[in-house]
Amino acid sequence: MIRRSGLVAVAALVPATVHAHSFGRPVQLPMPVWLYIYGAMAALVLSFVVLGFFIGRSHVDRPSRSLELGDGWLVHLLRRGHVVPVCQGLLLLLFAFSVLTGLIGTRDPYRNFNMTFFWILFALGGTYLSALIGGWYNALNPWLTLSRVTARWWPAFPTGRFAYPDRLAYWPAVMLYMGFIGLELFGDIRPFSLAISILIYTAVNLTGVWLVGQRAWFRHGELFAVMFRLVSMMAPVIYDPDAEGAARVRLRWPFTGLLRRRVEHRSLLVFLLFMLSSTAFDGLSETKPWFNAFWMTRPAF
C-alpha cells in the first residue's frame, strides 16, 4: 500500500471534485473501526518497545554478522553476465513507456499502464523488494541510469558544478517525499498528470546531478534512493557491488541491518517520521468511515 501523510490541513485548499485516492477505492474493513485504530496504535507502541530493546549499547557495539556468498551461480551470473545492464535498460524503458502511455493512452486510470506500473509495481513493489533484497535500487535506479547515459556524450555532467552543502543533508529528499505523498493523496492524479509528474521529477533529478554531482544527489536528494535504502536495512539479502563493479551478495538475519545504524542528521529523522506517519494515515484514509466523513461531507468552495 502506498504511503501517505496526514496533510489534512491542505484539504481545505483542494476542490470538491478531488477524490480521496489517486488510484483505488475505499475499502470496508472486516472489523469495527475502533478495533482497527486501537490495533494500529498497539502495533506502533510495541514496535518502539522492540526497537528500544535492540538499540542498547551492547547490541549496537556488537559486530555485524553476515555471510558472503562465494562464486555460486548467482554471483557468477551477476558478475559475468549482462543481467544488471539489461535490467537497468529495461526499467528505464518501462518508465519511458509509462510516460508515453500517460500522454497518449487512455485516461482511465484502471486501464492505463502507467498507473499500475508506477503506483503498484514500482512504488509499492519496490518497497517490498527492498525489504527482501537490499541494494537492488542502487543498481537499477532509472534516473541514475539516465544520468550515466547522459554522461556518455557529456562527460562533465555527473561531476556537478558545486560542492554539496552539508547543511542541506537530506532535506531535498524530505521535500520531494512530501510532494510525492501530497500529490498522490490530494492531487487527483490521473495517467496524463502522472506522466507530467514523472517528467518533472526526471528534470529535477537531472538538474540536481548537474548542480551537485551524481554521487551527492543520489545519496541525499533522490527520494526513492533514500526511501528504498532505509527500507533495505531490514533486508536479509544484500546486493553490494564493490568499487570495481564486481557483484557481492551477502546474507544476514532479517532486521539486523538496523542494529548498528544511527541517524546521520535530523533531516533523515524527519524523513523516517514522515514515512511512519504517512503509513499510519494510509490505512485509515482507505476506510469507508473516513471516506464518508472527510470527503463526502466536506463543504464545497
C-alpha atoms as a PDB file:
ATOM      1  CA  MET A   1       0.000   0.000   0.000  1.00  0.00           C
ATOM      2  CA  ILE A   2       1.328   3.348  -0.995  1.00  0.00           C
ATOM      3  CA  ARG A   3       2.345   5.661   1.836  1.00  0.00           C
ATOM      4  CA  ARG A   4       0.504   8.900   2.577  1.00  0.00           C
ATOM      5  CA  SER A   5       0.844  11.599   5.155  1.00  0.00           C
ATOM      6  CA  GLY A   6      -1.682  13.310   7.333  1.00  0.00           C
ATOM      7  CA  LEU A   7      -1.650  16.552   5.409  1.00  0.00           C
ATOM      8  CA  VAL A   8      -5.236  17.186   6.427  1.00  0.00           C
ATOM      9  CA  ALA A   9      -4.770  20.928   6.577  1.00  0.00           C
ATOM     10  CA  VAL A  10      -4.209  21.014   2.847  1.00  0.00           C
ATOM     11  CA  ALA A  11      -7.657  19.579   2.263  1.00  0.00           C
ATOM     12  CA  ALA A  12      -9.288  22.968   2.633  1.00  0.00           C
ATOM     13  CA  LEU A  13      -7.448  24.133  -0.458  1.00  0.00           C
ATOM     14  CA  VAL A  14      -8.499  21.178  -2.591  1.00  0.00           C
ATOM     15  CA  PRO A  15     -11.545  21.476  -4.910  1.00  0.00           C
ATOM     16  CA  ALA A  16     -14.592  19.457  -4.010  1.00  0.00           C
ATOM     17  CA  THR A  17     -14.189  17.223  -7.062  1.00  0.00           C
ATOM     18  CA  VAL A  18     -10.919  15.735  -5.814  1.00  0.00           C
ATOM     19  CA  HIS A  19     -11.147  12.102  -4.761  1.00  0.00           C
ATOM     20  CA  ALA A  20      -9.624  10.565  -1.673  1.00  0.00           C
ATOM     21  CA  HIS A  21      -7.195   8.359  -3.527  1.00  0.00           C
ATOM     22  CA  SER A  22      -5.435   8.717  -6.833  1.00  0.00           C
ATOM     23  CA  PHE A  23      -5.658   5.037  -7.655  1.00  0.00           C
ATOM     24  CA  GLY A  24      -8.126   2.809  -5.880  1.00  0.00           C
ATOM     25  CA  ARG A  25     -11.380   2.803  -3.972  1.00  0.00           C
ATOM     26  CA  PRO A  26     -12.156   2.978  -0.246  1.00  0.00           C
ATOM     27  CA  VAL A  27     -12.420  -0.418   1.388  1.00  0.00           C
ATOM     28  CA  GLN A  28     -14.809  -1.745   4.022  1.00  0.00           C
ATOM     29  CA  LEU A  29     -12.852  -3.073   6.974  1.00  0.00           C
ATOM     30  CA  PRO A  30     -13.807  -6.581   8.150  1.00  0.00           C
ATOM     31  CA  MET A  31     -13.767  -5.229  11.722  1.00  0.00           C
ATOM     32  CA  PRO A  32     -15.025  -2.220  13.685  1.00  0.00           C
ATOM     33  CA  VAL A  33     -13.086   0.969  13.076  1.00  0.00           C
ATOM     34  CA  TRP A  34     -12.321   1.372  16.795  1.00  0.00           C
ATOM     35  CA  LEU A  35     -10.671  -2.065  16.809  1.00  0.00           C
ATOM     36  CA  TYR A  36      -8.585  -1.123  13.776  1.00  0.00           C
ATOM     37  CA  ILE A  37      -7.448   2.137  15.407  1.00  0.00           C
ATOM     38  CA  TYR A  38      -6.538   0.523  18.741  1.00  0.00           C
ATOM     39  CA  GLY A  39      -4.757  -2.299  16.930  1.00  0.00           C
ATOM     40  CA  ALA A  40      -2.715   0.165  14.867  1.00  0.00           C
ATOM     41  CA  MET A  41      -1.797   2.129  17.994  1.00  0.00           C
ATOM     42  CA  ALA A  42      -0.772  -1.037  19.814  1.00  0.00           C
ATOM     43  CA  ALA A  43       1.375  -2.173  16.884  1.00  0.00           C
ATOM     44  CA  LEU A  44       3.103   1.218  16.809  1.00  0.00           C
ATOM     45  CA  VAL A  45       3.774   1.208  20.563  1.00  0.00           C
ATOM     46  CA  LEU A  46       5.088  -2.364  20.507  1.00  0.00           C
ATOM     47  CA  SER A  47       7.372  -1.561  17.583  1.00  0.00           C
ATOM     48  CA  PHE A  48       9.037   1.157  19.649  1.00  0.00           C
ATOM     49  CA  VAL A  49       9.313  -1.210  22.617  1.00  0.00           C
ATOM     50  CA  VAL A  50      11.108  -3.764  20.446  1.00  0.00           C
ATOM     51  CA  LEU A  51      13.263  -1.018  18.936  1.00  0.00           C
ATOM     52  CA  GLY A  52      14.198   0.229  22.400  1.00  0.00           C
ATOM     53  CA  PHE A  53      15.272  -3.278  23.407  1.00  0.00           C
ATOM     54  CA  PHE A  54      17.558  -3.723  20.417  1.00  0.00           C
ATOM     55  CA  ILE A  55      19.258  -0.337  20.371  1.00  0.00           C
ATOM     56  CA  GLY A  56      21.070  -0.822  23.651  1.00  0.00           C
ATOM     57  CA  ARG A  57      24.807  -0.275  23.545  1.00  0.00           C
ATOM     58  CA  SER A  58      25.567  -3.977  23.872  1.00  0.00           C
ATOM     59  CA  HIS A  59      23.638  -4.634  20.666  1.00  0.00           C
ATOM     60  CA  VAL A  60      24.916  -1.616  18.754  1.00  0.00           C
ATOM     61  CA  ASP A  61      28.549  -2.343  19.524  1.00  0.00           C
ATOM     62  CA  ARG A  62      28.194  -5.989  18.590  1.00  0.00           C
ATOM     63  CA  PRO A  63      29.924  -6.696  15.254  1.00  0.00           C
ATOM     64  CA  SER A  64      27.633  -7.211  12.313  1.00  0.00           C
ATOM     65  CA  ARG A  65      27.392 -10.833  11.209  1.00  0.00           C
ATOM     66  CA  SER A  66      26.735 -11.741   7.612  1.00  0.00           C
ATOM     67  CA  LEU A  67      27.590 -14.493   5.190  1.00  0.00           C
ATOM     68  CA  GLU A  68      29.042 -13.517   1.845  1.00  0.00           C
ATOM     69  CA  LEU A  69      28.190 -15.913  -0.952  1.00  0.00           C
ATOM     70  CA  GLY A  70      31.132 -17.263  -2.882  1.00  0.00           C
ATOM     71  CA  ASP A  71      31.373 -17.919  -6.582  1.00  0.00           C
ATOM     72  CA  GLY A  72      27.979 -19.523  -6.834  1.00  0.00           C
ATOM     73  CA  TRP A  73      25.815 -19.441  -9.924  1.00  0.00           C
ATOM     74  CA  LEU A  74      24.006 -16.295  -8.771  1.00  0.00           C
ATOM     75  CA  VAL A  75      27.168 -14.321  -8.093  1.00  0.00           C
ATOM     76  CA  HIS A  76      28.717 -15.645 -11.290  1.00  0.00           C
ATOM     77  CA  LEU A  77      25.640 -14.554 -13.249  1.00  0.00           C
ATOM     78  CA  LEU A  78      25.695 -11.071 -11.762  1.00  0.00           C
ATOM     79  CA  ARG A  79      29.435 -10.698 -12.206  1.00  0.00           C
ATOM     80  CA  ARG A  80      29.989 -12.228 -15.636  1.00  0.00           C
ATOM     81  CA  GLY A  81      26.660 -11.860 -17.356  1.00  0.00           C
ATOM     82  CA  HIS A  82      24.730  -8.863 -18.552  1.00  0.00           C
ATOM     83  CA  VAL A  83      21.833  -9.211 -16.140  1.00  0.00           C
ATOM     84  CA  VAL A  84      22.308  -5.877 -14.366  1.00  0.00           C
ATOM     85  CA  PRO A  85      22.782  -3.737 -17.529  1.00  0.00           C
ATOM     86  CA  VAL A  86      19.780  -5.423 -19.150  1.00  0.00           C
ATOM     87  CA  CYS A  87      17.635  -4.782 -16.075  1.00  0.00           C
ATOM     88  CA  GLN A  88      18.817  -1.170 -15.948  1.00  0.00           C
ATOM     89  CA  GLY A  89      17.799  -0.608 -19.538  1.00  0.00           C
ATOM     90  CA  LEU A  90      14.515  -2.461 -19.068  1.00  0.00           C
ATOM     91  CA  LEU A  91      13.470  -0.375 -16.076  1.00  0.00           C
ATOM     92  CA  LEU A  92      14.385   2.838 -17.880  1.00  0.00           C
ATOM     93  CA  LEU A  93      12.344   1.736 -20.917  1.00  0.00           C
ATOM     94  CA  LEU A  94       9.379   0.886 -18.686  1.00  0.00           C
ATOM     95  CA  PHE A  95       9.430   4.405 -17.268  1.00  0.00           C
ATOM     96  CA  ALA A  96       9.652   5.853 -20.762  1.00  0.00           C
ATOM     97  CA  PHE A  97       6.732   3.677 -21.850  1.00  0.00           C
ATOM     98  CA  SER A  98       4.707   4.734 -18.798  1.00  0.00           C
ATOM     99  CA  VAL A  99       5.232   8.386 -19.726  1.00  0.00           C
ATOM    100  CA  LEU A 100       4.216   7.670 -23.308  1.00  0.00           C
ATOM    101  CA  THR A 101       1.056   5.795 -22.322  1.00  0.00           C
ATOM    102  CA  GLY A 102       0.165   8.558 -19.888  1.00  0.00           C
ATOM    103  CA  LEU A 103       0.465  11.225 -22.561  1.00  0.00           C
ATOM    104  CA  ILE A 104      -1.329   9.485 -25.432  1.00  0.00           C
ATOM    105  CA  GLY A 105      -3.044   6.474 -23.837  1.00  0.00           C
ATOM    106  CA  THR A 106      -6.438   6.015 -22.242  1.00  0.00           C
ATOM    107  CA  ARG A 107      -7.489   8.386 -19.474  1.00  0.00           C
ATOM    108  CA  ASP A 108      -8.982   5.525 -17.463  1.00  0.00           C
ATOM    109  CA  PRO A 109      -6.599   5.023 -14.510  1.00  0.00           C
ATOM    110  CA  TYR A 110      -7.606   1.357 -14.205  1.00  0.00           C
ATOM    111  CA  ARG A 111      -6.748   0.603 -17.822  1.00  0.00           C
ATOM    112  CA  ASN A 112      -3.646   2.715 -18.341  1.00  0.00           C
ATOM    113  CA  PHE A 113      -0.277   1.011 -17.924  1.00  0.00           C
ATOM    114  CA  ASN A 114       1.448   3.908 -16.199  1.00  0.00           C
ATOM    115  CA  MET A 115      -0.836   3.989 -13.142  1.00  0.00           C
ATOM    116  CA  THR A 116      -0.381   0.287 -12.414  1.00  0.00           C
ATOM    117  CA  PHE A 117       3.330   0.356 -13.184  1.00  0.00           C
ATOM    118  CA  PHE A 118       4.237   3.386 -11.095  1.00  0.00           C
ATOM    119  CA  TRP A 119       1.995   3.044  -8.057  1.00  0.00           C
ATOM    120  CA  ILE A 120       1.748  -0.750  -7.766  1.00  0.00           C
ATOM    121  CA  LEU A 121       4.862  -2.235  -9.358  1.00  0.00           C
ATOM    122  CA  PHE A 122       7.418   0.498  -8.688  1.00  0.00           C
ATOM    123  CA  ALA A 123       6.370   2.401  -5.548  1.00  0.00           C
ATOM    124  CA  LEU A 124       4.714  -0.477  -3.716  1.00  0.00           C
ATOM    125  CA  GLY A 125       6.580  -3.430  -5.223  1.00  0.00           C
ATOM    126  CA  GLY A 126       9.908  -1.637  -4.934  1.00  0.00           C
ATOM    127  CA  THR A 127       9.344  -1.115  -1.215  1.00  0.00           C
ATOM    128  CA  TYR A 128       8.613  -4.797  -0.617  1.00  0.00           C
ATOM    129  CA  LEU A 129      11.559  -5.802  -2.795  1.00  0.00           C
ATOM    130  CA  SER A 130      13.861  -3.510  -0.818  1.00  0.00           C
ATOM    131  CA  ALA A 131      12.775  -5.249   2.382  1.00  0.00           C
ATOM    132  CA  LEU A 132      13.893  -8.543   0.832  1.00  0.00           C
ATOM    133  CA  ILE A 133      16.862  -7.580  -1.355  1.00  0.00           C
ATOM    134  CA  GLY A 134      18.742  -4.536  -0.194  1.00  0.00           C
ATOM    135  CA  GLY A 135      20.686  -2.591  -2.777  1.00  0.00           C
ATOM    136  CA  TRP A 136      18.611  -3.528  -5.832  1.00  0.00           C
ATOM    137  CA  TYR A 137      17.580   0.086  -6.408  1.00  0.00           C
ATOM    138  CA  ASN A 138      21.148   1.370  -6.192  1.00  0.00           C
ATOM    139  CA  ALA A 139      21.951  -0.918  -9.119  1.00  0.00           C
ATOM    140  CA  LEU A 140      18.802  -0.318 -11.198  1.00  0.00           C
ATOM    141  CA  ASN A 141      17.836   3.277 -10.371  1.00  0.00           C
ATOM    142  CA  PRO A 142      16.375   4.532 -13.695  1.00  0.00           C
ATOM    143  CA  TRP A 143      17.354   8.146 -13.049  1.00  0.00           C
ATOM    144  CA  LEU A 144      20.903   7.079 -12.207  1.00  0.00           C
ATOM    145  CA  THR A 145      20.945   5.073 -15.440  1.00  0.00           C
ATOM    146  CA  LEU A 146      19.727   8.137 -17.338  1.00  0.00           C
ATOM    147  CA  SER A 147      22.469  10.207 -15.715  1.00  0.00           C
ATOM    148  CA  ARG A 148      25.096   7.687 -16.791  1.00  0.00           C
ATOM    149  CA  VAL A 149      23.729   7.635 -20.318  1.00  0.00           C
ATOM    150  CA  THR A 150      23.887  11.435 -20.402  1.00  0.00           C
ATOM    151  CA  ALA A 151      27.483  11.298 -19.189  1.00  0.00           C
ATOM    152  CA  ARG A 152      28.483   9.305 -22.264  1.00  0.00           C
ATOM    153  CA  TRP A 153      28.049  12.327 -24.514  1.00  0.00           C
ATOM    154  CA  TRP A 154      28.526  14.952 -21.787  1.00  0.00           C
ATOM    155  CA  PRO A 155      31.374  13.672 -19.573  1.00  0.00           C
ATOM    156  CA  ALA A 156      31.319  16.680 -17.247  1.00  0.00           C
ATOM    157  CA  PHE A 157      27.610  16.345 -16.496  1.00  0.00           C
ATOM    158  CA  PRO A 158      27.743  13.990 -13.438  1.00  0.00           C
ATOM    159  CA  THR A 159      30.638  15.806 -11.760  1.00  0.00           C
ATOM    160  CA  GLY A 160      28.485  18.712 -10.562  1.00  0.00           C
ATOM    161  CA  ARG A 161      29.093  22.438 -10.527  1.00  0.00           C
ATOM    162  CA  PHE A 162      29.094  22.961  -6.754  1.00  0.00           C
ATOM    163  CA  ALA A 163      30.055  21.002  -3.653  1.00  0.00           C
ATOM    164  CA  TYR A 164      27.025  19.613  -1.853  1.00  0.00           C
ATOM    165  CA  PRO A 165      26.319  21.847   1.190  1.00  0.00           C
ATOM    166  CA  ASP A 166      26.465  19.907   4.436  1.00  0.00           C
ATOM    167  CA  ARG A 167      23.576  21.894   5.894  1.00  0.00           C
ATOM    168  CA  LEU A 168      21.247  20.570   3.179  1.00  0.00           C
ATOM    169  CA  ALA A 169      21.719  16.985   4.388  1.00  0.00           C
ATOM    170  CA  TYR A 170      18.591  15.017   3.407  1.00  0.00           C
ATOM    171  CA  TRP A 171      16.205  17.981   3.238  1.00  0.00           C
ATOM    172  CA  PRO A 172      15.848  17.785  -0.582  1.00  0.00           C
ATOM    173  CA  ALA A 173      14.668  14.173  -0.278  1.00  0.00           C
ATOM    174  CA  VAL A 174      12.289  15.159   2.542  1.00  0.00           C
ATOM    175  CA  MET A 175      10.734  17.917   0.442  1.00  0.00           C
ATOM    176  CA  LEU A 176      10.390  15.650  -2.585  1.00  0.00           C
ATOM    177  CA  TYR A 177       8.868  12.891  -0.475  1.00  0.00           C
ATOM    178  CA  MET A 178       6.305  15.289   0.968  1.00  0.00           C
ATOM    179  CA  GLY A 179       5.463  16.445  -2.533  1.00  0.00           C
ATOM    180  CA  PHE A 180       5.142  12.843  -3.700  1.00  0.00           C
ATOM    181  CA  ILE A 181       2.737  11.954  -0.882  1.00  0.00           C
ATOM    182  CA  GLY A 182       0.782  15.191  -1.210  1.00  0.00           C
ATOM    183  CA  LEU A 183       0.391  14.704  -4.950  1.00  0.00           C
ATOM    184  CA  GLU A 184      -0.764  11.127  -4.543  1.00  0.00           C
ATOM    185  CA  LEU A 185      -3.228  11.999  -1.781  1.00  0.00           C
ATOM    186  CA  PHE A 186      -4.662  15.335  -2.867  1.00  0.00           C
ATOM    187  CA  GLY A 187      -3.627  15.755  -6.484  1.00  0.00           C
ATOM    188  CA  ASP A 188      -6.412  13.733  -8.141  1.00  0.00           C
ATOM    189  CA  ILE A 189      -3.610  12.136 -10.140  1.00  0.00           C
ATOM    190  CA  ARG A 190      -4.541  10.573 -13.468  1.00  0.00           C
ATOM    191  CA  PRO A 191      -2.485   8.959 -16.266  1.00  0.00           C
ATOM    192  CA  PHE A 192      -1.728  12.249 -18.021  1.00  0.00           C
ATOM    193  CA  SER A 193      -0.843  14.164 -14.852  1.00  0.00           C
ATOM    194  CA  LEU A 194       1.244  11.213 -13.638  1.00  0.00           C
ATOM    195  CA  ALA A 195       3.241  11.270 -16.878  1.00  0.00           C
ATOM    196  CA  ILE A 196       3.842  15.011 -16.460  1.00  0.00           C
ATOM    197  CA  SER A 197       4.873  14.458 -12.841  1.00  0.00           C
ATOM    198  CA  ILE A 198       7.399  11.802 -13.851  1.00  0.00           C
ATOM    199  CA  LEU A 199       8.852  14.159 -16.459  1.00  0.00           C
ATOM    200  CA  ILE A 200       9.111  16.958 -13.881  1.00  0.00           C
ATOM    201  CA  TYR A 201      10.742  14.617 -11.378  1.00  0.00           C
ATOM    202  CA  THR A 202      13.199  13.498 -14.052  1.00  0.00           C
ATOM    203  CA  ALA A 203      14.083  17.130 -14.747  1.00  0.00           C
ATOM    204  CA  VAL A 204      14.574  17.725 -11.008  1.00  0.00           C
ATOM    205  CA  ASN A 205      16.943  14.756 -10.755  1.00  0.00           C
ATOM    206  CA  LEU A 206      18.977  15.758 -13.792  1.00  0.00           C
ATOM    207  CA  THR A 207      19.204  19.313 -12.500  1.00  0.00           C
ATOM    208  CA  GLY A 208      20.326  18.046  -9.103  1.00  0.00           C
ATOM    209  CA  VAL A 209      23.027  15.895 -10.700  1.00  0.00           C
ATOM    210  CA  TRP A 210      24.174  18.829 -12.813  1.00  0.00           C
ATOM    211  CA  LEU A 211      24.388  21.109  -9.758  1.00  0.00           C
ATOM    212  CA  VAL A 212      25.920  18.938  -7.025  1.00  0.00           C
ATOM    213  CA  GLY A 213      27.087  15.818  -8.812  1.00  0.00           C
ATOM    214  CA  GLN A 214      25.760  12.338  -9.323  1.00  0.00           C
ATOM    215  CA  ARG A 215      27.114  10.799  -6.127  1.00  0.00           C
ATOM    216  CA  ALA A 216      25.862  13.522  -3.769  1.00  0.00           C
ATOM    217  CA  TRP A 217      22.424  13.868  -5.339  1.00  0.00           C
ATOM    218  CA  PHE A 218      21.546  10.179  -5.362  1.00  0.00           C
ATOM    219  CA  ARG A 219      22.836   9.910  -1.809  1.00  0.00           C
ATOM    220  CA  HIS A 220      20.850  12.810  -0.317  1.00  0.00           C
ATOM    221  CA  GLY A 221      18.361  14.198  -2.830  1.00  0.00           C
ATOM    222  CA  GLU A 222      16.605  11.450  -4.778  1.00  0.00           C
ATOM    223  CA  LEU A 223      13.638  10.441  -2.638  1.00  0.00           C
ATOM    224  CA  PHE A 224      13.290   6.835  -3.832  1.00  0.00           C
ATOM    225  CA  ALA A 225      17.005   6.216  -3.329  1.00  0.00           C
ATOM    226  CA  VAL A 226      16.725   7.420   0.270  1.00  0.00           C
ATOM    227  CA  MET A 227      13.430   5.624   0.943  1.00  0.00           C
ATOM    228  CA  PHE A 228      14.462   2.275  -0.523  1.00  0.00           C
ATOM    229  CA  ARG A 229      17.840   2.480   1.204  1.00  0.00           C
ATOM    230  CA  LEU A 230      16.149   2.914   4.580  1.00  0.00           C
ATOM    231  CA  VAL A 231      13.788   0.016   3.923  1.00  0.00           C
ATOM    232  CA  SER A 232      16.657  -2.186   2.742  1.00  0.00           C
ATOM    233  CA  MET A 233      18.179  -2.089   6.223  1.00  0.00           C
ATOM    234  CA  MET A 234      15.653  -4.794   7.083  1.00  0.00           C
ATOM    235  CA  ALA A 235      16.603  -6.993   4.138  1.00  0.00           C
ATOM    236  CA  PRO A 236      18.121 -10.451   4.698  1.00  0.00           C
ATOM    237  CA  VAL A 237      19.818 -10.350   1.275  1.00  0.00           C
ATOM    238  CA  ILE A 238      22.185  -7.527   0.316  1.00  0.00           C
ATOM    239  CA  TYR A 239      23.417  -6.875  -3.207  1.00  0.00           C
ATOM    240  CA  ASP A 240      26.507  -4.716  -2.836  1.00  0.00           C
ATOM    241  CA  PRO A 241      28.828  -4.190  -5.831  1.00  0.00           C
ATOM    242  CA  ASP A 242      32.319  -3.069  -4.907  1.00  0.00           C
ATOM    243  CA  ALA A 243      34.225  -0.145  -6.404  1.00  0.00           C
ATOM    244  CA  GLU A 244      35.210  -2.201  -9.459  1.00  0.00           C
ATOM    245  CA  GLY A 245      31.593  -3.208 -10.066  1.00  0.00           C
ATOM    246  CA  ALA A 246      32.081  -6.839  -9.024  1.00  0.00           C
ATOM    247  CA  ALA A 247      28.956  -8.326  -7.509  1.00  0.00           C
ATOM    248  CA  ARG A 248      28.876  -9.073  -3.770  1.00  0.00           C
ATOM    249  CA  VAL A 249      25.857 -10.856  -2.353  1.00  0.00           C
ATOM    250  CA  ARG A 250      25.609 -11.164   1.427  1.00  0.00           C
ATOM    251  CA  LEU A 251      23.134 -12.947   3.659  1.00  0.00           C
ATOM    252  CA  ARG A 252      22.220 -11.835   7.166  1.00  0.00           C
ATOM    253  CA  TRP A 253      19.431 -12.226   9.670  1.00  0.00           C
ATOM    254  CA  PRO A 254      16.397 -10.045   8.845  1.00  0.00           C
ATOM    255  CA  PHE A 255      16.343  -6.611  10.540  1.00  0.00           C
ATOM    256  CA  THR A 256      19.912  -6.913  11.827  1.00  0.00           C
ATOM    257  CA  GLY A 257      20.946  -4.131   9.469  1.00  0.00           C
ATOM    258  CA  LEU A 258      19.062  -1.734  11.752  1.00  0.00           C
ATOM    259  CA  LEU A 259      21.089  -2.533  14.861  1.00  0.00           C
ATOM    260  CA  ARG A 260      24.260  -0.622  14.016  1.00  0.00           C
ATOM    261  CA  ARG A 261      22.629   2.256  12.163  1.00  0.00           C
ATOM    262  CA  ARG A 262      22.464   5.704  13.685  1.00  0.00           C
ATOM    263  CA  VAL A 263      20.570   8.690  12.318  1.00  0.00           C
ATOM    264  CA  GLU A 264      23.090  10.789  10.407  1.00  0.00           C
ATOM    265  CA  HIS A 265      21.143  14.043  10.534  1.00  0.00           C
ATOM    266  CA  ARG A 266      17.849  15.337  11.889  1.00  0.00           C
ATOM    267  CA  SER A 267      16.596  15.647   8.310  1.00  0.00           C
ATOM    268  CA  LEU A 268      16.852  11.861   7.971  1.00  0.00           C
ATOM    269  CA  LEU A 269      14.921  11.512  11.221  1.00  0.00           C
ATOM    270  CA  VAL A 270      12.196  13.750   9.775  1.00  0.00           C
ATOM    271  CA  PHE A 271      12.149  11.537   6.678  1.00  0.00           C
ATOM    272  CA  LEU A 272      11.701   8.437   8.846  1.00  0.00           C
ATOM    273  CA  LEU A 273       8.958  10.029  10.939  1.00  0.00           C
ATOM    274  CA  PHE A 274       7.163  11.161   7.830  1.00  0.00           C
ATOM    275  CA  MET A 275       7.315   7.610   6.462  1.00  0.00           C
ATOM    276  CA  LEU A 276       5.806   6.266   9.703  1.00  0.00           C
ATOM    277  CA  SER A 277       3.076   8.890   9.894  1.00  0.00           C
ATOM    278  CA  SER A 278       2.125   8.529   6.255  1.00  0.00           C
ATOM    279  CA  THR A 279       1.970   4.748   6.612  1.00  0.00           C
ATOM    280  CA  ALA A 280      -0.309   5.029   9.645  1.00  0.00           C
ATOM    281  CA  PHE A 281      -2.555   7.525   7.876  1.00  0.00           C
ATOM    282  CA  ASP A 282      -2.568   5.348   4.778  1.00  0.00           C
ATOM    283  CA  GLY A 283      -4.719   2.602   6.219  1.00  0.00           C
ATOM    284  CA  LEU A 284      -7.152   4.961   7.958  1.00  0.00           C
ATOM    285  CA  SER A 285      -7.738   7.073   4.854  1.00  0.00           C
ATOM    286  CA  GLU A 286      -8.785   3.977   2.896  1.00  0.00           C
ATOM    287  CA  THR A 287     -11.638   3.091   5.217  1.00  0.00           C
ATOM    288  CA  LYS A 288     -15.238   3.808   4.344  1.00  0.00           C
ATOM    289  CA  PRO A 289     -15.944   5.832   7.528  1.00  0.00           C
ATOM    290  CA  TRP A 290     -13.016   8.142   6.777  1.00  0.00           C
ATOM    291  CA  PHE A 291     -14.117   8.491   3.159  1.00  0.00           C
ATOM    292  CA  ASN A 292     -17.667   9.381   4.200  1.00  0.00           C
ATOM    293  CA  ALA A 293     -16.634  11.734   6.988  1.00  0.00           C
ATOM    294  CA  PHE A 294     -13.823  13.546   5.239  1.00  0.00           C
ATOM    295  CA  TRP A 295     -14.727  13.567   1.557  1.00  0.00           C
ATOM    296  CA  MET A 296     -18.485  13.115   1.271  1.00  0.00           C
ATOM    297  CA  THR A 297     -19.445  15.670   3.963  1.00  0.00           C
ATOM    298  CA  ARG A 298     -16.797  18.277   3.175  1.00  0.00           C
ATOM    299  CA  PRO A 299     -18.399  21.601   2.166  1.00  0.00           C
ATOM    300  CA  ALA A 300     -17.890  22.829  -1.362  1.00  0.00           C
ATOM    301  CA  PHE A 301     -15.897  26.001  -2.007  1.00  0.00           C
END
